[in-house]
Amino acid sequence: MAEARLAPAANGHWRLDFAAAKAEAMLLGPVAWSALELLAGGPLDRLKRCPAADCGWLFLDTSRNGARRWCDMATCGNRAKVRQHRVRTPSARAR
């Protein structure tokens, strides 16, 4: 962020310009800026931590009822459901 410069945007607002920044700043700068915007005025009640023991990601729950549990259903959610299925299913326990 230290290498970013404030520049006027087309809509009359300001934006961060990373043109003269190093590659690390160009990659992480916008992420840090988005995090600051979220913390400053975002829906913090929708910010959640993935409950998977091997994950720890934070995610913004944008579901209609706010009941999203996993950062990604295809990875963390699927692994949790497979573990639950193995505990419930006798044939899975025999293996």
PDB file of N, CA and C in Angstrom:
ATOM      1  N   MET A   1       0.823  -1.198   0.000  1.00  0.00           N
ATOM      2  CA  MET A   1       0.000   0.000   0.000  1.00  0.00           C
ATOM      3  C   MET A   1       0.864   1.258   0.000  1.00  0.00           C
ATOM      4  N   ALA A   2       2.067   1.176   0.548  1.00  0.00           N
ATOM      5  CA  ALA A   2       2.925   2.352   0.615  1.00  0.00           C
ATOM      6  C   ALA A   2       3.349   2.812  -0.774  1.00  0.00           C
ATOM      7  N   GLU A   3       3.340   1.918  -1.734  1.00  0.00           N
ATOM      8  CA  GLU A   3       3.774   2.269  -3.087  1.00  0.00           C
ATOM      9  C   GLU A   3       2.620   2.709  -3.984  1.00  0.00           C
ATOM     10  N   ALA A   4       1.410   2.600  -3.488  1.00  0.00           N
ATOM     11  CA  ALA A   4       0.255   2.999  -4.284  1.00  0.00           C
ATOM     12  C   ALA A   4       0.086   4.516  -4.231  1.00  0.00           C
ATOM     13  N   ARG A   5      -0.502   5.042  -5.264  1.00  0.00           N
ATOM     14  CA  ARG A   5      -0.782   6.479  -5.346  1.00  0.00           C
ATOM     15  C   ARG A   5      -2.276   6.661  -5.543  1.00  0.00           C
ATOM     16  N   LEU A   6      -2.794   7.715  -4.944  1.00  0.00           N
ATOM     17  CA  LEU A   6      -4.196   8.040  -5.133  1.00  0.00           C
ATOM     18  C   LEU A   6      -4.357   8.733  -6.470  1.00  0.00           C
ATOM     19  N   ALA A   7      -5.334   8.302  -7.239  1.00  0.00           N
ATOM     20  CA  ALA A   7      -5.580   8.892  -8.556  1.00  0.00           C
ATOM     21  C   ALA A   7      -7.083   9.081  -8.734  1.00  0.00           C
ATOM     22  N   PRO A   8      -7.492  10.108  -9.457  1.00  0.00           N
ATOM     23  CA  PRO A   8      -8.925  10.308  -9.683  1.00  0.00           C
ATOM     24  C   PRO A   8      -9.489   9.216 -10.595  1.00  0.00           C
ATOM     25  N   ALA A   9     -10.659   8.748 -10.263  1.00  0.00           N
ATOM     26  CA  ALA A   9     -11.342   7.748 -11.075  1.00  0.00           C
ATOM     27  C   ALA A   9     -12.339   8.443 -11.998  1.00  0.00           C
ATOM     28  N   ALA A  10     -12.835   7.732 -12.975  1.00  0.00           N
ATOM     29  CA  ALA A  10     -13.750   8.307 -13.966  1.00  0.00           C
ATOM     30  C   ALA A  10     -15.077   8.743 -13.338  1.00  0.00           C
ATOM     31  N   ASN A  11     -15.496   8.095 -12.249  1.00  0.00           N
ATOM     32  CA  ASN A  11     -16.797   8.392 -11.649  1.00  0.00           C
ATOM     33  C   ASN A  11     -16.740   9.544 -10.639  1.00  0.00           C
ATOM     34  N   GLY A  12     -15.592  10.221 -10.552  1.00  0.00           N
ATOM     35  CA  GLY A  12     -15.464  11.331  -9.623  1.00  0.00           C
ATOM     36  C   GLY A  12     -14.920  10.931  -8.267  1.00  0.00           C
ATOM     37  N   HIS A  13     -14.790   9.653  -8.021  1.00  0.00           N
ATOM     38  CA  HIS A  13     -14.212   9.163  -6.775  1.00  0.00           C
ATOM     39  C   HIS A  13     -12.708   9.012  -6.944  1.00  0.00           C
ATOM     40  N   TRP A  14     -12.069   8.447  -5.955  1.00  0.00           N
ATOM     41  CA  TRP A  14     -10.637   8.208  -6.007  1.00  0.00           C
ATOM     42  C   TRP A  14     -10.371   6.725  -6.088  1.00  0.00           C
ATOM     43  N   ARG A  15      -9.241   6.362  -6.668  1.00  0.00           N
ATOM     44  CA  ARG A  15      -8.839   4.970  -6.746  1.00  0.00           C
ATOM     45  C   ARG A  15      -7.360   4.874  -6.434  1.00  0.00           C
ATOM     46  N   LEU A  16      -6.905   3.662  -6.109  1.00  0.00           N
ATOM     47  CA  LEU A  16      -5.480   3.439  -5.885  1.00  0.00           C
ATOM     48  C   LEU A  16      -4.832   3.058  -7.204  1.00  0.00           C
ATOM     49  N   ASP A  17      -3.741   3.705  -7.518  1.00  0.00           N
ATOM     50  CA  ASP A  17      -3.001   3.425  -8.742  1.00  0.00           C
ATOM     51  C   ASP A  17      -1.711   2.703  -8.366  1.00  0.00           C
ATOM     52  N   PHE A  18      -1.564   1.482  -8.861  1.00  0.00           N
ATOM     53  CA  PHE A  18      -0.389   0.669  -8.554  1.00  0.00           C
ATOM     54  C   PHE A  18       0.575   0.588  -9.734  1.00  0.00           C
ATOM     55  N   ALA A  19       0.487   1.501 -10.672  1.00  0.00           N
ATOM     56  CA  ALA A  19       1.290   1.437 -11.892  1.00  0.00           C
ATOM     57  C   ALA A  19       2.789   1.440 -11.600  1.00  0.00           C
ATOM     58  N   ALA A  20       3.235   2.222 -10.626  1.00  0.00           N
ATOM     59  CA  ALA A  20       4.663   2.312 -10.331  1.00  0.00           C
ATOM     60  C   ALA A  20       5.083   1.371  -9.204  1.00  0.00           C
ATOM     61  N   ALA A  21       4.179   0.539  -8.741  1.00  0.00           N
ATOM     62  CA  ALA A  21       4.460  -0.323  -7.595  1.00  0.00           C
ATOM     63  C   ALA A  21       5.138  -1.622  -8.017  1.00  0.00           C
ATOM     64  N   LYS A  22       5.722  -2.273  -7.039  1.00  0.00           N
ATOM     65  CA  LYS A  22       6.318  -3.585  -7.269  1.00  0.00           C
ATOM     66  C   LYS A  22       5.203  -4.612  -7.433  1.00  0.00           C
ATOM     67  N   ALA A  23       5.566  -5.786  -7.926  1.00  0.00           N
ATOM     68  CA  ALA A  23       4.577  -6.839  -8.192  1.00  0.00           C
ATOM     69  C   ALA A  23       3.814  -7.232  -6.933  1.00  0.00           C
ATOM     70  N   GLU A  24       4.502  -7.318  -5.796  1.00  0.00           N
ATOM     71  CA  GLU A  24       3.827  -7.715  -4.551  1.00  0.00           C
ATOM     72  C   GLU A  24       2.726  -6.721  -4.183  1.00  0.00           C
ATOM     73  N   ALA A  25       3.035  -5.443  -4.320  1.00  0.00           N
ATOM     74  CA  ALA A  25       2.049  -4.417  -3.994  1.00  0.00           C
ATOM     75  C   ALA A  25       0.896  -4.445  -4.976  1.00  0.00           C
ATOM     76  N   MET A  26       1.193  -4.745  -6.233  1.00  0.00           N
ATOM     77  CA  MET A  26       0.131  -4.800  -7.237  1.00  0.00           C
ATOM     78  C   MET A  26      -0.835  -5.934  -6.948  1.00  0.00           C
ATOM     79  N   LEU A  27      -0.338  -7.028  -6.370  1.00  0.00           N
ATOM     80  CA  LEU A  27      -1.197  -8.164  -6.055  1.00  0.00           C
ATOM     81  C   LEU A  27      -1.921  -7.990  -4.725  1.00  0.00           C
ATOM     82  N   LEU A  28      -1.192  -7.575  -3.699  1.00  0.00           N
ATOM     83  CA  LEU A  28      -1.776  -7.512  -2.363  1.00  0.00           C
ATOM     84  C   LEU A  28      -2.467  -6.189  -2.058  1.00  0.00           C
ATOM     85  N   GLY A  29      -2.097  -5.137  -2.747  1.00  0.00           N
ATOM     86  CA  GLY A  29      -2.695  -3.833  -2.491  1.00  0.00           C
ATOM     87  C   GLY A  29      -4.208  -3.810  -2.638  1.00  0.00           C
ATOM     88  N   PRO A  30      -4.746  -4.273  -3.763  1.00  0.00           N
ATOM     89  CA  PRO A  30      -6.204  -4.276  -3.907  1.00  0.00           C
ATOM     90  C   PRO A  30      -6.908  -5.172  -2.883  1.00  0.00           C
ATOM     91  N   VAL A  31      -6.262  -6.246  -2.481  1.00  0.00           N
ATOM     92  CA  VAL A  31      -6.849  -7.121  -1.458  1.00  0.00           C
ATOM     93  C   VAL A  31      -6.924  -6.378  -0.129  1.00  0.00           C
ATOM     94  N   ALA A  32      -5.842  -5.714   0.232  1.00  0.00           N
ATOM     95  CA  ALA A  32      -5.816  -4.944   1.477  1.00  0.00           C
ATOM     96  C   ALA A  32      -6.842  -3.817   1.438  1.00  0.00           C
ATOM     97  N   TRP A  33      -6.960  -3.165   0.309  1.00  0.00           N
ATOM     98  CA  TRP A  33      -7.929  -2.073   0.169  1.00  0.00           C
ATOM     99  C   TRP A  33      -9.359  -2.602   0.326  1.00  0.00           C
ATOM    100  N   SER A  34      -9.658  -3.720  -0.284  1.00  0.00           N
ATOM    101  CA  SER A  34     -10.995  -4.310  -0.150  1.00  0.00           C
ATOM    102  C   SER A  34     -11.285  -4.698   1.289  1.00  0.00           C
ATOM    103  N   ALA A  35     -10.281  -5.234   1.971  1.00  0.00           N
ATOM    104  CA  ALA A  35     -10.458  -5.588   3.382  1.00  0.00           C
ATOM    105  C   ALA A  35     -10.746  -4.346   4.220  1.00  0.00           C
ATOM    106  N   LEU A  36     -10.034  -3.266   3.942  1.00  0.00           N
ATOM    107  CA  LEU A  36     -10.289  -2.019   4.668  1.00  0.00           C
ATOM    108  C   LEU A  36     -11.691  -1.498   4.408  1.00  0.00           C
ATOM    109  N   GLU A  37     -12.136  -1.548   3.163  1.00  0.00           N
ATOM    110  CA  GLU A  37     -13.497  -1.102   2.837  1.00  0.00           C
ATOM    111  C   GLU A  37     -14.537  -1.943   3.569  1.00  0.00           C
ATOM    112  N   LEU A  38     -14.314  -3.248   3.623  1.00  0.00           N
ATOM    113  CA  LEU A  38     -15.249  -4.138   4.319  1.00  0.00           C
ATOM    114  C   LEU A  38     -15.279  -3.814   5.807  1.00  0.00           C
ATOM    115  N   LEU A  39     -14.110  -3.650   6.407  1.00  0.00           N
ATOM    116  CA  LEU A  39     -14.056  -3.360   7.834  1.00  0.00           C
ATOM    117  C   LEU A  39     -14.629  -1.987   8.163  1.00  0.00           C
ATOM    118  N   ALA A  40     -14.486  -1.040   7.250  1.00  0.00           N
ATOM    119  CA  ALA A  40     -14.962   0.322   7.491  1.00  0.00           C
ATOM    120  C   ALA A  40     -16.474   0.451   7.362  1.00  0.00           C
ATOM    121  N   GLY A  41     -17.084  -0.298   6.463  1.00  0.00           N
ATOM    122  CA  GLY A  41     -18.512  -0.084   6.271  1.00  0.00           C
ATOM    123  C   GLY A  41     -19.252  -1.265   5.708  1.00  0.00           C
ATOM    124  N   GLY A  42     -18.637  -2.411   5.733  1.00  0.00           N
ATOM    125  CA  GLY A  42     -19.275  -3.590   5.164  1.00  0.00           C
ATOM    126  C   GLY A  42     -20.178  -4.295   6.157  1.00  0.00           C
ATOM    127  N   PRO A  43     -20.866  -5.290   5.685  1.00  0.00           N
ATOM    128  CA  PRO A  43     -21.754  -6.064   6.562  1.00  0.00           C
ATOM    129  C   PRO A  43     -20.946  -7.057   7.404  1.00  0.00           C
ATOM    130  N   LEU A  44     -20.378  -6.594   8.508  1.00  0.00           N
ATOM    131  CA  LEU A  44     -19.507  -7.445   9.331  1.00  0.00           C
ATOM    132  C   LEU A  44     -20.249  -8.621   9.955  1.00  0.00           C
ATOM    133  N   ASP A  45     -21.570  -8.501  10.086  1.00  0.00           N
ATOM    134  CA  ASP A  45     -22.331  -9.635  10.618  1.00  0.00           C
ATOM    135  C   ASP A  45     -22.355 -10.798   9.624  1.00  0.00           C
ATOM    136  N   ARG A  46     -21.986 -10.545   8.370  1.00  0.00           N
ATOM    137  CA  ARG A  46     -21.935 -11.591   7.355  1.00  0.00           C
ATOM    138  C   ARG A  46     -20.515 -12.122   7.133  1.00  0.00           C
ATOM    139  N   LEU A  47     -19.543 -11.597   7.847  1.00  0.00           N
ATOM    140  CA  LEU A  47     -18.168 -12.073   7.754  1.00  0.00           C
ATOM    141  C   LEU A  47     -18.031 -13.290   8.652  1.00  0.00           C
ATOM    142  N   LYS A  48     -17.636 -14.426   8.071  1.00  0.00           N
ATOM    143  CA  LYS A  48     -17.577 -15.677   8.825  1.00  0.00           C
ATOM    144  C   LYS A  48     -16.245 -16.379   8.603  1.00  0.00           C
ATOM    145  N   ARG A  49     -15.920 -17.271   9.530  1.00  0.00           N
ATOM    146  CA  ARG A  49     -14.720 -18.098   9.419  1.00  0.00           C
ATOM    147  C   ARG A  49     -15.165 -19.510   9.093  1.00  0.00           C
ATOM    148  N   CYS A  50     -14.508 -20.135   8.136  1.00  0.00           N
ATOM    149  CA  CYS A  50     -14.835 -21.505   7.761  1.00  0.00           C
ATOM    150  C   CYS A  50     -14.566 -22.427   8.950  1.00  0.00           C
ATOM    151  N   PRO A  51     -15.519 -23.288   9.318  1.00  0.00           N
ATOM    152  CA  PRO A  51     -15.333 -24.143  10.483  1.00  0.00           C
ATOM    153  C   PRO A  51     -14.455 -25.379  10.242  1.00  0.00           C
ATOM    154  N   ALA A  52     -14.006 -25.596   9.019  1.00  0.00           N
ATOM    155  CA  ALA A  52     -13.158 -26.761   8.749  1.00  0.00           C
ATOM    156  C   ALA A  52     -11.844 -26.628   9.516  1.00  0.00           C
ATOM    157  N   ALA A  53     -11.437 -27.709  10.166  1.00  0.00           N
ATOM    158  CA  ALA A  53     -10.237 -27.694  11.003  1.00  0.00           C
ATOM    159  C   ALA A  53      -8.979 -27.378  10.207  1.00  0.00           C
ATOM    160  N   ASP A  54      -8.954 -27.757   8.944  1.00  0.00           N
ATOM    161  CA  ASP A  54      -7.750 -27.552   8.129  1.00  0.00           C
ATOM    162  C   ASP A  54      -7.879 -26.358   7.182  1.00  0.00           C
ATOM    163  N   CYS A  55      -8.800 -25.433   7.453  1.00  0.00           N
ATOM    164  CA  CYS A  55      -9.001 -24.312   6.531  1.00  0.00           C
ATOM    165  C   CYS A  55      -8.658 -22.977   7.189  1.00  0.00           C
ATOM    166  N   GLY A  56      -9.603 -22.362   7.847  1.00  0.00           N
ATOM    167  CA  GLY A  56      -9.365 -21.078   8.483  1.00  0.00           C
ATOM    168  C   GLY A  56      -9.625 -19.858   7.622  1.00  0.00           C
ATOM    169  N   TRP A  57     -10.144 -20.029   6.401  1.00  0.00           N
ATOM    170  CA  TRP A  57     -10.446 -18.902   5.528  1.00  0.00           C
ATOM    171  C   TRP A  57     -11.577 -18.067   6.122  1.00  0.00           C
ATOM    172  N   LEU A  58     -11.555 -16.782   5.834  1.00  0.00           N
ATOM    173  CA  LEU A  58     -12.680 -15.907   6.119  1.00  0.00           C
ATOM    174  C   LEU A  58     -13.447 -15.723   4.821  1.00  0.00           C
ATOM    175  N   PHE A  59     -14.759 -15.620   4.941  1.00  0.00           N
ATOM    176  CA  PHE A  59     -15.568 -15.396   3.743  1.00  0.00           C
ATOM    177  C   PHE A  59     -16.747 -14.514   4.089  1.00  0.00           C
ATOM    178  N   LEU A  60     -17.282 -13.867   3.077  1.00  0.00           N
ATOM    179  CA  LEU A  60     -18.449 -13.014   3.231  1.00  0.00           C
ATOM    180  C   LEU A  60     -19.667 -13.807   2.795  1.00  0.00           C
ATOM    181  N   ASP A  61     -20.566 -14.050   3.736  1.00  0.00           N
ATOM    182  CA  ASP A  61     -21.774 -14.823   3.458  1.00  0.00           C
ATOM    183  C   ASP A  61     -22.783 -13.932   2.744  1.00  0.00           C
ATOM    184  N   THR A  62     -22.930 -14.153   1.449  1.00  0.00           N
ATOM    185  CA  THR A  62     -23.868 -13.354   0.661  1.00  0.00           C
ATOM    186  C   THR A  62     -25.157 -14.113   0.363  1.00  0.00           C
ATOM    187  N   SER A  63     -25.368 -15.227   1.060  1.00  0.00           N
ATOM    188  CA  SER A  63     -26.601 -15.984   0.834  1.00  0.00           C
ATOM    189  C   SER A  63     -27.787 -15.178   1.362  1.00  0.00           C
ATOM    190  N   ARG A  64     -28.954 -15.476   0.842  1.00  0.00           N
ATOM    191  CA  ARG A  64     -30.150 -14.708   1.185  1.00  0.00           C
ATOM    192  C   ARG A  64     -30.452 -14.750   2.681  1.00  0.00           C
ATOM    193  N   ASN A  65     -30.386 -15.926   3.286  1.00  0.00           N
ATOM    194  CA  ASN A  65     -30.741 -16.046   4.695  1.00  0.00           C
ATOM    195  C   ASN A  65     -29.537 -16.001   5.636  1.00  0.00           C
ATOM    196  N   GLY A  66     -28.334 -15.850   5.115  1.00  0.00           N
ATOM    197  CA  GLY A  66     -27.146 -15.738   5.947  1.00  0.00           C
ATOM    198  C   GLY A  66     -26.738 -17.029   6.619  1.00  0.00           C
ATOM    199  N   ALA A  67     -27.102 -18.161   6.017  1.00  0.00           N
ATOM    200  CA  ALA A  67     -26.841 -19.456   6.649  1.00  0.00           C
ATOM    201  C   ALA A  67     -25.684 -20.220   6.013  1.00  0.00           C
ATOM    202  N   ARG A  68     -24.926 -19.573   5.153  1.00  0.00           N
ATOM    203  CA  ARG A  68     -23.797 -20.265   4.531  1.00  0.00           C
ATOM    204  C   ARG A  68     -22.800 -20.662   5.606  1.00  0.00           C
ATOM    205  N   ARG A  69     -22.288 -21.877   5.502  1.00  0.00           N
ATOM    206  CA  ARG A  69     -21.412 -22.382   6.548  1.00  0.00           C
ATOM    207  C   ARG A  69     -19.965 -22.497   6.109  1.00  0.00           C
ATOM    208  N   TRP A  70     -19.736 -22.936   4.885  1.00  0.00           N
ATOM    209  CA  TRP A  70     -18.389 -23.257   4.424  1.00  0.00           C
ATOM    210  C   TRP A  70     -17.870 -22.176   3.494  1.00  0.00           C
ATOM    211  N   CYS A  71     -16.548 -22.009   3.455  1.00  0.00           N
ATOM    212  CA  CYS A  71     -15.956 -21.039   2.528  1.00  0.00           C
ATOM    213  C   CYS A  71     -16.219 -21.481   1.092  1.00  0.00           C
ATOM    214  N   ASP A  72     -16.159 -22.783   0.859  1.00  0.00           N
ATOM    215  CA  ASP A  72     -16.418 -23.334  -0.472  1.00  0.00           C
ATOM    216  C   ASP A  72     -17.027 -24.717  -0.305  1.00  0.00           C
ATOM    217  N   MET A  73     -18.204 -24.906  -0.807  1.00  0.00           N
ATOM    218  CA  MET A  73     -18.879 -26.187  -0.672  1.00  0.00           C
ATOM    219  C   MET A  73     -18.139 -27.294  -1.410  1.00  0.00           C
ATOM    220  N   ALA A  74     -17.458 -26.958  -2.495  1.00  0.00           N
ATOM    221  CA  ALA A  74     -16.764 -27.969  -3.297  1.00  0.00           C
ATOM    222  C   ALA A  74     -15.551 -28.549  -2.570  1.00  0.00           C
ATOM    223  N   THR A  75     -14.999 -27.832  -1.607  1.00  0.00           N
ATOM    224  CA  THR A  75     -13.827 -28.358  -0.899  1.00  0.00           C
ATOM    225  C   THR A  75     -14.173 -28.637   0.559  1.00  0.00           C
ATOM    226  N   CYS A  76     -14.240 -27.625   1.371  1.00  0.00           N
ATOM    227  CA  CYS A  76     -14.451 -27.814   2.806  1.00  0.00           C
ATOM    228  C   CYS A  76     -15.798 -28.458   3.119  1.00  0.00           C
ATOM    229  N   GLY A  77     -16.843 -27.974   2.491  1.00  0.00           N
ATOM    230  CA  GLY A  77     -18.166 -28.539   2.746  1.00  0.00           C
ATOM    231  C   GLY A  77     -18.264 -29.986   2.309  1.00  0.00           C
ATOM    232  N   ASN A  78     -17.708 -30.302   1.167  1.00  0.00           N
ATOM    233  CA  ASN A  78     -17.751 -31.669   0.665  1.00  0.00           C
ATOM    234  C   ASN A  78     -16.980 -32.619   1.584  1.00  0.00           C
ATOM    235  N   ARG A  79     -15.794 -32.216   2.026  1.00  0.00           N
ATOM    236  CA  ARG A  79     -15.008 -33.078   2.923  1.00  0.00           C
ATOM    237  C   ARG A  79     -15.748 -33.334   4.230  1.00  0.00           C
ATOM    238  N   ALA A  80     -16.403 -32.315   4.782  1.00  0.00           N
ATOM    239  CA  ALA A  80     -17.153 -32.483   6.023  1.00  0.00           C
ATOM    240  C   ALA A  80     -18.329 -33.431   5.816  1.00  0.00           C
ATOM    241  N   LYS A  81     -19.019 -33.300   4.705  1.00  0.00           N
ATOM    242  CA  LYS A  81     -20.155 -34.184   4.440  1.00  0.00           C
ATOM    243  C   LYS A  81     -19.709 -35.620   4.210  1.00  0.00           C
ATOM    244  N   VAL A  82     -18.569 -35.814   3.585  1.00  0.00           N
ATOM    245  CA  VAL A  82     -18.038 -37.168   3.391  1.00  0.00           C
ATOM    246  C   VAL A  82     -17.695 -37.780   4.742  1.00  0.00           C
ATOM    247  N   ARG A  83     -17.063 -37.010   5.633  1.00  0.00           N
ATOM    248  CA  ARG A  83     -16.740 -37.516   6.972  1.00  0.00           C
ATOM    249  C   ARG A  83     -18.004 -37.901   7.725  1.00  0.00           C
ATOM    250  N   GLN A  84     -19.033 -37.068   7.663  1.00  0.00           N
ATOM    251  CA  GLN A  84     -20.297 -37.368   8.334  1.00  0.00           C
ATOM    252  C   GLN A  84     -20.933 -38.622   7.761  1.00  0.00           C
ATOM    253  N   HIS A  85     -20.874 -38.778   6.454  1.00  0.00           N
ATOM    254  CA  HIS A  85     -21.452 -39.952   5.798  1.00  0.00           C
ATOM    255  C   HIS A  85     -20.733 -41.222   6.243  1.00  0.00           C
ATOM    256  N   ARG A  86     -19.419 -41.163   6.353  1.00  0.00           N
ATOM    257  CA  ARG A  86     -18.655 -42.344   6.775  1.00  0.00           C
ATOM    258  C   ARG A  86     -18.981 -42.751   8.204  1.00  0.00           C
ATOM    259  N   VAL A  87     -19.270 -41.790   9.049  1.00  0.00           N
ATOM    260  CA  VAL A  87     -19.637 -42.098  10.425  1.00  0.00           C
ATOM    261  C   VAL A  87     -21.023 -42.743  10.475  1.00  0.00           C
ATOM    262  N   ARG A  88     -21.951 -42.271   9.646  1.00  0.00           N
ATOM    263  CA  ARG A  88     -23.334 -42.761   9.650  1.00  0.00           C
ATOM    264  C   ARG A  88     -23.506 -44.100   8.953  1.00  0.00           C
ATOM    265  N   THR A  89     -22.725 -44.369   7.910  1.00  0.00           N
ATOM    266  CA  THR A  89     -22.950 -45.519   7.043  1.00  0.00           C
ATOM    267  C   THR A  89     -22.164 -46.740   7.531  1.00  0.00           C
ATOM    268  N   PRO A  90     -22.843 -47.852   7.813  1.00  0.00           N
ATOM    269  CA  PRO A  90     -22.146 -49.055   8.299  1.00  0.00           C
ATOM    270  C   PRO A  90     -21.123 -49.600   7.277  1.00  0.00           C
ATOM    271  N   SER A  91     -21.439 -49.580   5.985  1.00  0.00           N
ATOM    272  CA  SER A  91     -20.521 -50.118   4.982  1.00  0.00           C
ATOM    273  C   SER A  91     -19.240 -49.284   4.918  1.00  0.00           C
ATOM    274  N   ALA A  92     -19.343 -48.012   5.169  1.00  0.00           N
ATOM    275  CA  ALA A  92     -18.160 -47.154   5.153  1.00  0.00           C
ATOM    276  C   ALA A  92     -17.294 -47.421   6.376  1.00  0.00           C
ATOM    277  N   ARG A  93     -17.938 -47.758   7.513  1.00  0.00           N
ATOM    278  CA  ARG A  93     -17.163 -48.042   8.721  1.00  0.00           C
ATOM    279  C   ARG A  93     -16.440 -49.377   8.624  1.00  0.00           C
ATOM    280  N   ALA A  94     -16.977 -50.318   7.854  1.00  0.00           N
ATOM    281  CA  ALA A  94     -16.359 -51.646   7.719  1.00  0.00           C
ATOM    282  C   ALA A  94     -15.069 -51.594   6.930  1.00  0.00           C
ATOM    283  N   ARG A  95     -14.939 -50.597   6.069  1.00  0.00           N
ATOM    284  CA  ARG A  95     -13.723 -50.478   5.259  1.00  0.00           C
ATOM    285  C   ARG A  95     -12.624 -50.046   6.085  1.00  0.00           C
TER     286      ARG A  95
END
